[in-house]
Amino acid sequence: MDIQTRKISFIQEFLRLQNEDVISGLEKMLKKWKSEIFERELKPKDLYQFNNEIDQALDDSENDRLIKATDLKSKFQ
């Protein structure tokens, strides 16, 4: 069974659930596993990459390629 078929099957089973405790447990488990995967895959940047991003940010600032936080916030409200 491929991953897409497994996901659809899981969703169908999940939608049939009536027990709130089971749903809460699955939610907690999913959140925990996603957090663990994120932590495991999180890797520090090397100094070269870090400095390049700083240089790019400074260049963007000097050349007015920025969006004010207030403008961005109002765009999404």
PDB file of N, CA and C in Angstrom:
ATOM      1  N   MET A   1       0.848  -1.176   0.000  1.00  0.00           N
ATOM      2  CA  MET A   1       0.000   0.000   0.000  1.00  0.00           C
ATOM      3  C   MET A   1       0.898   1.246   0.000  1.00  0.00           C
ATOM      4  N   ASP A   2       0.675   2.159  -0.927  1.00  0.00           N
ATOM      5  CA  ASP A   2       1.507   3.362  -1.000  1.00  0.00           C
ATOM      6  C   ASP A   2       1.083   4.377   0.069  1.00  0.00           C
ATOM      7  N   ILE A   3       1.889   5.403   0.246  1.00  0.00           N
ATOM      8  CA  ILE A   3       1.676   6.376   1.323  1.00  0.00           C
ATOM      9  C   ILE A   3       0.361   7.127   1.170  1.00  0.00           C
ATOM     10  N   GLN A   4      -0.015   7.495  -0.057  1.00  0.00           N
ATOM     11  CA  GLN A   4      -1.270   8.217  -0.268  1.00  0.00           C
ATOM     12  C   GLN A   4      -2.478   7.369   0.129  1.00  0.00           C
ATOM     13  N   THR A   5      -2.462   6.114  -0.244  1.00  0.00           N
ATOM     14  CA  THR A   5      -3.550   5.201   0.109  1.00  0.00           C
ATOM     15  C   THR A   5      -3.626   5.014   1.612  1.00  0.00           C
ATOM     16  N   ARG A   6      -2.481   4.891   2.259  1.00  0.00           N
ATOM     17  CA  ARG A   6      -2.436   4.749   3.714  1.00  0.00           C
ATOM     18  C   ARG A   6      -2.988   5.989   4.408  1.00  0.00           C
ATOM     19  N   LYS A   7      -2.636   7.181   3.900  1.00  0.00           N
ATOM     20  CA  LYS A   7      -3.140   8.418   4.504  1.00  0.00           C
ATOM     21  C   LYS A   7      -4.656   8.514   4.368  1.00  0.00           C
ATOM     22  N   ILE A   8      -5.179   8.188   3.215  1.00  0.00           N
ATOM     23  CA  ILE A   8      -6.630   8.230   3.005  1.00  0.00           C
ATOM     24  C   ILE A   8      -7.326   7.241   3.926  1.00  0.00           C
ATOM     25  N   SER A   9      -6.774   6.055   4.043  1.00  0.00           N
ATOM     26  CA  SER A   9      -7.342   5.042   4.926  1.00  0.00           C
ATOM     27  C   SER A   9      -7.327   5.523   6.376  1.00  0.00           C
ATOM     28  N   PHE A  10      -6.229   6.129   6.788  1.00  0.00           N
ATOM     29  CA  PHE A  10      -6.125   6.652   8.150  1.00  0.00           C
ATOM     30  C   PHE A  10      -7.160   7.744   8.385  1.00  0.00           C
ATOM     31  N   ILE A  11      -7.301   8.654   7.443  1.00  0.00           N
ATOM     32  CA  ILE A  11      -8.265   9.745   7.586  1.00  0.00           C
ATOM     33  C   ILE A  11      -9.685   9.194   7.693  1.00  0.00           C
ATOM     34  N   GLN A  12      -9.995   8.194   6.885  1.00  0.00           N
ATOM     35  CA  GLN A  12     -11.329   7.591   6.952  1.00  0.00           C
ATOM     36  C   GLN A  12     -11.586   6.988   8.332  1.00  0.00           C
ATOM     37  N   GLU A  13     -10.600   6.290   8.859  1.00  0.00           N
ATOM     38  CA  GLU A  13     -10.738   5.719  10.206  1.00  0.00           C
ATOM     39  C   GLU A  13     -10.878   6.825  11.249  1.00  0.00           C
ATOM     40  N   PHE A  14     -10.078   7.863  11.112  1.00  0.00           N
ATOM     41  CA  PHE A  14     -10.115   8.983  12.052  1.00  0.00           C
ATOM     42  C   PHE A  14     -11.494   9.641  12.052  1.00  0.00           C
ATOM     43  N   LEU A  15     -12.073   9.825  10.873  1.00  0.00           N
ATOM     44  CA  LEU A  15     -13.381  10.474  10.776  1.00  0.00           C
ATOM     45  C   LEU A  15     -14.495   9.638  11.415  1.00  0.00           C
ATOM     46  N   ARG A  16     -14.286   8.358  11.531  1.00  0.00           N
ATOM     47  CA  ARG A  16     -15.284   7.478  12.160  1.00  0.00           C
ATOM     48  C   ARG A  16     -15.185   7.487  13.695  1.00  0.00           C
ATOM     49  N   LEU A  17     -14.113   8.032  14.233  1.00  0.00           N
ATOM     50  CA  LEU A  17     -13.924   8.039  15.688  1.00  0.00           C
ATOM     51  C   LEU A  17     -15.005   8.876  16.373  1.00  0.00           C
ATOM     52  N   GLN A  18     -15.460   8.377  17.517  1.00  0.00           N
ATOM     53  CA  GLN A  18     -16.462   9.084  18.316  1.00  0.00           C
ATOM     54  C   GLN A  18     -15.929   9.394  19.721  1.00  0.00           C
ATOM     55  N   ASN A  19     -14.792   8.825  20.070  1.00  0.00           N
ATOM     56  CA  ASN A  19     -14.237   8.964  21.409  1.00  0.00           C
ATOM     57  C   ASN A  19     -13.272  10.159  21.450  1.00  0.00           C
ATOM     58  N   GLU A  20     -13.630  11.181  22.217  1.00  0.00           N
ATOM     59  CA  GLU A  20     -12.817  12.386  22.291  1.00  0.00           C
ATOM     60  C   GLU A  20     -11.442  12.119  22.896  1.00  0.00           C
ATOM     61  N   ASP A  21     -11.355  11.162  23.820  1.00  0.00           N
ATOM     62  CA  ASP A  21     -10.065  10.826  24.427  1.00  0.00           C
ATOM     63  C   ASP A  21      -9.098  10.262  23.388  1.00  0.00           C
ATOM     64  N   VAL A  22      -9.610   9.433  22.492  1.00  0.00           N
ATOM     65  CA  VAL A  22      -8.767   8.859  21.441  1.00  0.00           C
ATOM     66  C   VAL A  22      -8.292   9.971  20.506  1.00  0.00           C
ATOM     67  N   ILE A  23      -9.200  10.874  20.145  1.00  0.00           N
ATOM     68  CA  ILE A  23      -8.841  11.986  19.262  1.00  0.00           C
ATOM     69  C   ILE A  23      -7.793  12.872  19.929  1.00  0.00           C
ATOM     70  N   SER A  24      -7.986  13.185  21.210  1.00  0.00           N
ATOM     71  CA  SER A  24      -7.004  14.004  21.940  1.00  0.00           C
ATOM     72  C   SER A  24      -5.650  13.314  21.998  1.00  0.00           C
ATOM     73  N   GLY A  25      -5.666  12.005  22.225  1.00  0.00           N
ATOM     74  CA  GLY A  25      -4.413  11.247  22.273  1.00  0.00           C
ATOM     75  C   GLY A  25      -3.692  11.278  20.938  1.00  0.00           C
ATOM     76  N   LEU A  26      -4.435  11.123  19.847  1.00  0.00           N
ATOM     77  CA  LEU A  26      -3.823  11.179  18.516  1.00  0.00           C
ATOM     78  C   LEU A  26      -3.261  12.569  18.222  1.00  0.00           C
ATOM     79  N   GLU A  27      -3.989  13.607  18.628  1.00  0.00           N
ATOM     80  CA  GLU A  27      -3.500  14.976  18.439  1.00  0.00           C
ATOM     81  C   GLU A  27      -2.188  15.194  19.192  1.00  0.00           C
ATOM     82  N   LYS A  28      -2.136  14.754  20.435  1.00  0.00           N
ATOM     83  CA  LYS A  28      -0.916  14.903  21.246  1.00  0.00           C
ATOM     84  C   LYS A  28       0.244  14.124  20.634  1.00  0.00           C
ATOM     85  N   MET A  29      -0.046  12.910  20.178  1.00  0.00           N
ATOM     86  CA  MET A  29       0.991  12.071  19.579  1.00  0.00           C
ATOM     87  C   MET A  29       1.540  12.718  18.305  1.00  0.00           C
ATOM     88  N   LEU A  30       0.648  13.220  17.465  1.00  0.00           N
ATOM     89  CA  LEU A  30       1.077  13.866  16.225  1.00  0.00           C
ATOM     90  C   LEU A  30       1.937  15.092  16.516  1.00  0.00           C
ATOM     91  N   LYS A  31       1.498  15.908  17.462  1.00  0.00           N
ATOM     92  CA  LYS A  31       2.266  17.109  17.830  1.00  0.00           C
ATOM     93  C   LYS A  31       3.654  16.726  18.349  1.00  0.00           C
ATOM     94  N   LYS A  32       3.711  15.695  19.198  1.00  0.00           N
ATOM     95  CA  LYS A  32       4.987  15.250  19.762  1.00  0.00           C
ATOM     96  C   LYS A  32       5.912  14.731  18.659  1.00  0.00           C
ATOM     97  N   TRP A  33       5.378  13.886  17.784  1.00  0.00           N
ATOM     98  CA  TRP A  33       6.210  13.323  16.710  1.00  0.00           C
ATOM     99  C   TRP A  33       6.690  14.396  15.751  1.00  0.00           C
ATOM    100  N   LYS A  34       5.828  15.354  15.413  1.00  0.00           N
ATOM    101  CA  LYS A  34       6.244  16.436  14.519  1.00  0.00           C
ATOM    102  C   LYS A  34       7.370  17.251  15.166  1.00  0.00           C
ATOM    103  N   SER A  35       7.251  17.499  16.456  1.00  0.00           N
ATOM    104  CA  SER A  35       8.276  18.234  17.177  1.00  0.00           C
ATOM    105  C   SER A  35       9.595  17.463  17.203  1.00  0.00           C
ATOM    106  N   GLU A  36       9.521  16.159  17.444  1.00  0.00           N
ATOM    107  CA  GLU A  36      10.733  15.336  17.473  1.00  0.00           C
ATOM    108  C   GLU A  36      11.403  15.285  16.105  1.00  0.00           C
ATOM    109  N   ILE A  37      10.619  15.164  15.053  1.00  0.00           N
ATOM    110  CA  ILE A  37      11.177  15.143  13.697  1.00  0.00           C
ATOM    111  C   ILE A  37      11.837  16.478  13.379  1.00  0.00           C
ATOM    112  N   PHE A  38      11.173  17.578  13.735  1.00  0.00           N
ATOM    113  CA  PHE A  38      11.735  18.904  13.505  1.00  0.00           C
ATOM    114  C   PHE A  38      13.076  19.057  14.224  1.00  0.00           C
ATOM    115  N   GLU A  39      13.121  18.658  15.486  1.00  0.00           N
ATOM    116  CA  GLU A  39      14.353  18.757  16.268  1.00  0.00           C
ATOM    117  C   GLU A  39      15.463  17.899  15.670  1.00  0.00           C
ATOM    118  N   ARG A  40      15.105  16.713  15.208  1.00  0.00           N
ATOM    119  CA  ARG A  40      16.095  15.797  14.642  1.00  0.00           C
ATOM    120  C   ARG A  40      16.664  16.338  13.335  1.00  0.00           C
ATOM    121  N   GLU A  41      15.822  17.005  12.541  1.00  0.00           N
ATOM    122  CA  GLU A  41      16.254  17.503  11.235  1.00  0.00           C
ATOM    123  C   GLU A  41      16.849  18.902  11.297  1.00  0.00           C
ATOM    124  N   LEU A  42      16.720  19.561  12.445  1.00  0.00           N
ATOM    125  CA  LEU A  42      17.248  20.909  12.611  1.00  0.00           C
ATOM    126  C   LEU A  42      18.771  20.859  12.659  1.00  0.00           C
ATOM    127  N   LYS A  43      19.386  21.568  11.760  1.00  0.00           N
ATOM    128  CA  LYS A  43      20.846  21.578  11.711  1.00  0.00           C
ATOM    129  C   LYS A  43      21.338  23.025  11.742  1.00  0.00           C
ATOM    130  N   PRO A  44      22.395  23.278  12.481  1.00  0.00           N
ATOM    131  CA  PRO A  44      22.908  24.656  12.525  1.00  0.00           C
ATOM    132  C   PRO A  44      23.492  25.068  11.173  1.00  0.00           C
ATOM    133  N   LYS A  45      23.407  26.349  10.899  1.00  0.00           N
ATOM    134  CA  LYS A  45      23.997  26.872   9.666  1.00  0.00           C
ATOM    135  C   LYS A  45      25.505  26.952   9.846  1.00  0.00           C
ATOM    136  N   ASP A  46      26.213  26.818   8.739  1.00  0.00           N
ATOM    137  CA  ASP A  46      27.648  27.038   8.845  1.00  0.00           C
ATOM    138  C   ASP A  46      27.904  28.548   8.783  1.00  0.00           C
ATOM    139  N   LEU A  47      29.074  28.952   9.212  1.00  0.00           N
ATOM    140  CA  LEU A  47      29.408  30.368   9.316  1.00  0.00           C
ATOM    141  C   LEU A  47      29.334  31.071   7.959  1.00  0.00           C
ATOM    142  N   TYR A  48      29.732  30.394   6.900  1.00  0.00           N
ATOM    143  CA  TYR A  48      29.694  30.974   5.553  1.00  0.00           C
ATOM    144  C   TYR A  48      28.250  31.298   5.157  1.00  0.00           C
ATOM    145  N   GLN A  49      27.348  30.358   5.358  1.00  0.00           N
ATOM    146  CA  GLN A  49      25.937  30.568   5.017  1.00  0.00           C
ATOM    147  C   GLN A  49      25.341  31.688   5.877  1.00  0.00           C
ATOM    148  N   PHE A  50      25.661  31.687   7.151  1.00  0.00           N
ATOM    149  CA  PHE A  50      25.165  32.711   8.067  1.00  0.00           C
ATOM    150  C   PHE A  50      25.608  34.105   7.626  1.00  0.00           C
ATOM    151  N   ASN A  51      26.892  34.242   7.305  1.00  0.00           N
ATOM    152  CA  ASN A  51      27.408  35.543   6.865  1.00  0.00           C
ATOM    153  C   ASN A  51      26.806  35.976   5.534  1.00  0.00           C
ATOM    154  N   ASN A  52      26.572  35.034   4.626  1.00  0.00           N
ATOM    155  CA  ASN A  52      25.930  35.372   3.353  1.00  0.00           C
ATOM    156  C   ASN A  52      24.527  35.919   3.566  1.00  0.00           C
ATOM    157  N   GLU A  53      23.781  35.329   4.484  1.00  0.00           N
ATOM    158  CA  GLU A  53      22.430  35.803   4.753  1.00  0.00           C
ATOM    159  C   GLU A  53      22.452  37.189   5.391  1.00  0.00           C
ATOM    160  N   ILE A  54      23.424  37.445   6.249  1.00  0.00           N
ATOM    161  CA  ILE A  54      23.572  38.785   6.826  1.00  0.00           C
ATOM    162  C   ILE A  54      23.891  39.792   5.733  1.00  0.00           C
ATOM    163  N   ASP A  55      24.830  39.449   4.853  1.00  0.00           N
ATOM    164  CA  ASP A  55      25.182  40.346   3.740  1.00  0.00           C
ATOM    165  C   ASP A  55      23.971  40.628   2.862  1.00  0.00           C
ATOM    166  N   GLN A  56      23.170  39.611   2.584  1.00  0.00           N
ATOM    167  CA  GLN A  56      21.966  39.788   1.758  1.00  0.00           C
ATOM    168  C   GLN A  56      20.963  40.703   2.460  1.00  0.00           C
ATOM    169  N   ALA A  57      20.790  40.527   3.751  1.00  0.00           N
ATOM    170  CA  ALA A  57      19.862  41.369   4.515  1.00  0.00           C
ATOM    171  C   ALA A  57      20.321  42.824   4.512  1.00  0.00           C
ATOM    172  N   LEU A  58      21.617  43.032   4.686  1.00  0.00           N
ATOM    173  CA  LEU A  58      22.142  44.399   4.657  1.00  0.00           C
ATOM    174  C   LEU A  58      21.958  45.028   3.277  1.00  0.00           C
ATOM    175  N   ASP A  59      22.207  44.255   2.235  1.00  0.00           N
ATOM    176  CA  ASP A  59      22.027  44.733   0.869  1.00  0.00           C
ATOM    177  C   ASP A  59      20.557  45.072   0.601  1.00  0.00           C
ATOM    178  N   ASP A  60      19.649  44.217   1.067  1.00  0.00           N
ATOM    179  CA  ASP A  60      18.221  44.487   0.914  1.00  0.00           C
ATOM    180  C   ASP A  60      17.838  45.782   1.629  1.00  0.00           C
ATOM    181  N   SER A  61      18.378  45.982   2.813  1.00  0.00           N
ATOM    182  CA  SER A  61      18.078  47.185   3.580  1.00  0.00           C
ATOM    183  C   SER A  61      18.597  48.438   2.869  1.00  0.00           C
ATOM    184  N   GLU A  62      19.827  48.372   2.379  1.00  0.00           N
ATOM    185  CA  GLU A  62      20.428  49.527   1.698  1.00  0.00           C
ATOM    186  C   GLU A  62      19.714  49.873   0.398  1.00  0.00           C
ATOM    187  N   ASN A  63      19.075  48.884  -0.234  1.00  0.00           N
ATOM    188  CA  ASN A  63      18.425  49.097  -1.526  1.00  0.00           C
ATOM    189  C   ASN A  63      16.895  49.110  -1.429  1.00  0.00           C
ATOM    190  N   ASP A  64      16.384  49.410  -0.232  1.00  0.00           N
ATOM    191  CA  ASP A  64      14.935  49.539  -0.005  1.00  0.00           C
ATOM    192  C   ASP A  64      14.121  48.339  -0.464  1.00  0.00           C
ATOM    193  N   ARG A  65      14.627  47.166  -0.240  1.00  0.00           N
ATOM    194  CA  ARG A  65      13.879  45.947  -0.567  1.00  0.00           C
ATOM    195  C   ARG A  65      13.347  45.324   0.721  1.00  0.00           C
ATOM    196  N   LEU A  66      12.648  46.138   1.493  1.00  0.00           N
ATOM    197  CA  LEU A  66      12.098  45.698   2.770  1.00  0.00           C
ATOM    198  C   LEU A  66      10.607  45.995   2.818  1.00  0.00           C
ATOM    199  N   ILE A  67       9.904  45.266   3.648  1.00  0.00           N
ATOM    200  CA  ILE A  67       8.497  45.530   3.909  1.00  0.00           C
ATOM    201  C   ILE A  67       8.380  45.801   5.405  1.00  0.00           C
ATOM    202  N   LYS A  68       7.769  46.916   5.748  1.00  0.00           N
ATOM    203  CA  LYS A  68       7.580  47.234   7.160  1.00  0.00           C
ATOM    204  C   LYS A  68       6.642  46.213   7.783  1.00  0.00           C
ATOM    205  N   ALA A  69       6.892  45.882   9.037  1.00  0.00           N
ATOM    206  CA  ALA A  69       6.065  44.903   9.740  1.00  0.00           C
ATOM    207  C   ALA A  69       4.621  45.374   9.800  1.00  0.00           C
ATOM    208  N   THR A  70       4.400  46.663   9.982  1.00  0.00           N
ATOM    209  CA  THR A  70       3.027  47.182  10.047  1.00  0.00           C
ATOM    210  C   THR A  70       2.322  47.008   8.700  1.00  0.00           C
ATOM    211  N   ASP A  71       3.050  47.207   7.586  1.00  0.00           N
ATOM    212  CA  ASP A  71       2.445  47.010   6.265  1.00  0.00           C
ATOM    213  C   ASP A  71       2.099  45.549   6.033  1.00  0.00           C
ATOM    214  N   LEU A  72       2.987  44.667   6.453  1.00  0.00           N
ATOM    215  CA  LEU A  72       2.758  43.236   6.295  1.00  0.00           C
ATOM    216  C   LEU A  72       1.561  42.790   7.144  1.00  0.00           C
ATOM    217  N   LYS A  73       1.507  43.307   8.360  1.00  0.00           N
ATOM    218  CA  LYS A  73       0.401  42.960   9.260  1.00  0.00           C
ATOM    219  C   LYS A  73      -0.941  43.417   8.685  1.00  0.00           C
ATOM    220  N   SER A  74      -0.979  44.647   8.169  1.00  0.00           N
ATOM    221  CA  SER A  74      -2.239  45.152   7.631  1.00  0.00           C
ATOM    222  C   SER A  74      -2.654  44.395   6.363  1.00  0.00           C
ATOM    223  N   LYS A  75      -1.684  43.891   5.627  1.00  0.00           N
ATOM    224  CA  LYS A  75      -1.981  43.124   4.419  1.00  0.00           C
ATOM    225  C   LYS A  75      -2.745  41.838   4.752  1.00  0.00           C
ATOM    226  N   PHE A  76      -2.443  41.230   5.904  1.00  0.00           N
ATOM    227  CA  PHE A  76      -3.044  39.960   6.257  1.00  0.00           C
ATOM    228  C   PHE A  76      -4.247  40.089   7.182  1.00  0.00           C
ATOM    229  N   GLN A  77      -4.609  41.301   7.550  1.00  0.00           N
ATOM    230  CA  GLN A  77      -5.788  41.485   8.428  1.00  0.00           C
ATOM    231  C   GLN A  77      -7.036  41.722   7.638  1.00  0.00           C
TER     232      GLN A  77
END
